Amino acid sequence: MKSLIIGIVIMAAAVFAVLPADIAGFGLGWWNDVLAFLRGGLPVVVFVIGIIAVFIGLADMKDRAEAKKEEASNPVNTENR
């Protein structure tokens, strides 16, 4: 229950921080700073996701190669059991 309340308070603080004071009547007006952060951070996040995808692809290729080697060394057909 405490974590739910803390989460709601943190989300309210984030909304308060990005609202412009001149339009909403309250807020800190950090929306432009948030956009700048997202513009700067998004390429880094996309690059990291790309690196992870490459590692997953390489591991998959390695696993497939090992499976083919193992299948070639065991000529027993498991489908007709």
C-alpha atoms as a PDB file:
ATOM      1  CA  MET A   1       0.000   0.000   0.000  1.00  0.00           C
ATOM      2  CA  LYS A   2       2.853   2.364   0.805  1.00  0.00           C
ATOM      3  CA  SER A   3       4.467   1.799  -2.585  1.00  0.00           C
ATOM      4  CA  LEU A   4       1.164   2.553  -4.347  1.00  0.00           C
ATOM      5  CA  ILE A   5       0.826   5.868  -2.531  1.00  0.00           C
ATOM      6  CA  ILE A   6       4.464   6.753  -3.146  1.00  0.00           C
ATOM      7  CA  GLY A   7       4.058   5.908  -6.841  1.00  0.00           C
ATOM      8  CA  ILE A   8       0.998   8.152  -7.162  1.00  0.00           C
ATOM      9  CA  VAL A   9       2.812  11.009  -5.388  1.00  0.00           C
ATOM     10  CA  ILE A  10       5.839  10.637  -7.686  1.00  0.00           C
ATOM     11  CA  MET A  11       3.634  10.621 -10.801  1.00  0.00           C
ATOM     12  CA  ALA A  12       1.812  13.740  -9.568  1.00  0.00           C
ATOM     13  CA  ALA A  13       5.165  15.452  -8.975  1.00  0.00           C
ATOM     14  CA  ALA A  14       6.262  14.557 -12.518  1.00  0.00           C
ATOM     15  CA  VAL A  15       3.065  16.000 -14.001  1.00  0.00           C
ATOM     16  CA  PHE A  16       3.501  19.123 -11.857  1.00  0.00           C
ATOM     17  CA  ALA A  17       7.073  19.483 -13.110  1.00  0.00           C
ATOM     18  CA  VAL A  18       6.199  19.412 -16.812  1.00  0.00           C
ATOM     19  CA  LEU A  19       3.084  21.626 -16.717  1.00  0.00           C
ATOM     20  CA  PRO A  20       3.676  25.206 -17.812  1.00  0.00           C
ATOM     21  CA  ALA A  21       2.809  27.717 -15.096  1.00  0.00           C
ATOM     22  CA  ASP A  22       1.336  30.284 -17.488  1.00  0.00           C
ATOM     23  CA  ILE A  23      -1.232  27.902 -19.030  1.00  0.00           C
ATOM     24  CA  ALA A  24      -2.167  25.627 -16.113  1.00  0.00           C
ATOM     25  CA  GLY A  25      -1.715  28.226 -13.386  1.00  0.00           C
ATOM     26  CA  PHE A  26       0.760  26.003 -11.595  1.00  0.00           C
ATOM     27  CA  GLY A  27       3.746  23.865 -12.514  1.00  0.00           C
ATOM     28  CA  LEU A  28       7.440  24.221 -13.188  1.00  0.00           C
ATOM     29  CA  GLY A  29       7.356  24.306 -16.991  1.00  0.00           C
ATOM     30  CA  TRP A  30      10.043  21.701 -17.592  1.00  0.00           C
ATOM     31  CA  TRP A  31       8.384  20.257 -20.720  1.00  0.00           C
ATOM     32  CA  ASN A  32      11.054  21.658 -23.086  1.00  0.00           C
ATOM     33  CA  ASP A  33      13.784  20.209 -20.885  1.00  0.00           C
ATOM     34  CA  VAL A  34      12.037  16.833 -20.912  1.00  0.00           C
ATOM     35  CA  LEU A  35      11.839  16.926 -24.709  1.00  0.00           C
ATOM     36  CA  ALA A  36      15.529  17.830 -24.953  1.00  0.00           C
ATOM     37  CA  PHE A  37      16.382  14.908 -22.672  1.00  0.00           C
ATOM     38  CA  LEU A  38      14.301  12.522 -24.775  1.00  0.00           C
ATOM     39  CA  ARG A  39      15.870  13.795 -27.991  1.00  0.00           C
ATOM     40  CA  GLY A  40      19.331  13.282 -26.559  1.00  0.00           C
ATOM     41  CA  GLY A  41      18.654   9.975 -24.847  1.00  0.00           C
ATOM     42  CA  LEU A  42      16.633   8.220 -27.530  1.00  0.00           C
ATOM     43  CA  PRO A  43      19.562   7.560 -29.904  1.00  0.00           C
ATOM     44  CA  VAL A  44      21.571   6.075 -27.040  1.00  0.00           C
ATOM     45  CA  VAL A  45      18.691   3.799 -26.018  1.00  0.00           C
ATOM     46  CA  VAL A  46      18.140   2.705 -29.628  1.00  0.00           C
ATOM     47  CA  PHE A  47      21.859   1.958 -30.003  1.00  0.00           C
ATOM     48  CA  VAL A  48      21.878  -0.178 -26.848  1.00  0.00           C
ATOM     49  CA  ILE A  49      18.793  -2.061 -28.049  1.00  0.00           C
ATOM     50  CA  GLY A  50      20.574  -2.652 -31.370  1.00  0.00           C
ATOM     51  CA  ILE A  51      23.634  -4.059 -29.619  1.00  0.00           C
ATOM     52  CA  ILE A  52      21.434  -6.392 -27.580  1.00  0.00           C
ATOM     53  CA  ALA A  53      19.659  -7.538 -30.760  1.00  0.00           C
ATOM     54  CA  VAL A  54      23.002  -8.275 -32.440  1.00  0.00           C
ATOM     55  CA  PHE A  55      24.160 -10.338 -29.444  1.00  0.00           C
ATOM     56  CA  ILE A  56      20.893 -12.269 -29.425  1.00  0.00           C
ATOM     57  CA  GLY A  57      21.220 -12.912 -33.160  1.00  0.00           C
ATOM     58  CA  LEU A  58      24.801 -14.137 -32.802  1.00  0.00           C
ATOM     59  CA  ALA A  59      23.834 -16.429 -29.929  1.00  0.00           C
ATOM     60  CA  ASP A  60      20.943 -17.801 -31.996  1.00  0.00           C
ATOM     61  CA  MET A  61      23.234 -18.490 -34.945  1.00  0.00           C
ATOM     62  CA  LYS A  62      25.688 -20.230 -32.627  1.00  0.00           C
ATOM     63  CA  ASP A  63      22.920 -22.370 -31.105  1.00  0.00           C
ATOM     64  CA  ARG A  64      21.646 -23.362 -34.547  1.00  0.00           C
ATOM     65  CA  ALA A  65      25.151 -24.332 -35.666  1.00  0.00           C
ATOM     66  CA  GLU A  66      25.620 -26.457 -32.546  1.00  0.00           C
ATOM     67  CA  ALA A  67      22.235 -28.105 -33.105  1.00  0.00           C
ATOM     68  CA  LYS A  68      23.181 -28.963 -36.699  1.00  0.00           C
ATOM     69  CA  LYS A  69      26.492 -30.445 -35.537  1.00  0.00           C
ATOM     70  CA  GLU A  70      24.732 -32.503 -32.882  1.00  0.00           C
ATOM     71  CA  GLU A  71      22.072 -33.629 -35.362  1.00  0.00           C
ATOM     72  CA  ALA A  72      24.761 -34.658 -37.854  1.00  0.00           C
ATOM     73  CA  SER A  73      26.622 -36.669 -35.206  1.00  0.00           C
ATOM     74  CA  ASN A  74      23.420 -38.507 -34.153  1.00  0.00           C
ATOM     75  CA  PRO A  75      21.932 -40.063 -37.316  1.00  0.00           C
ATOM     76  CA  VAL A  76      19.025 -41.571 -35.356  1.00  0.00           C
ATOM     77  CA  ASN A  77      15.755 -40.219 -36.666  1.00  0.00           C
ATOM     78  CA  THR A  78      13.653 -39.123 -33.685  1.00  0.00           C
ATOM     79  CA  GLU A  79      10.522 -38.397 -35.746  1.00  0.00           C
ATOM     80  CA  ASN A  80       9.623 -42.072 -36.379  1.00  0.00           C
ATOM     81  CA  ARG A  81       9.607 -43.217 -32.745  1.00  0.00           C
END
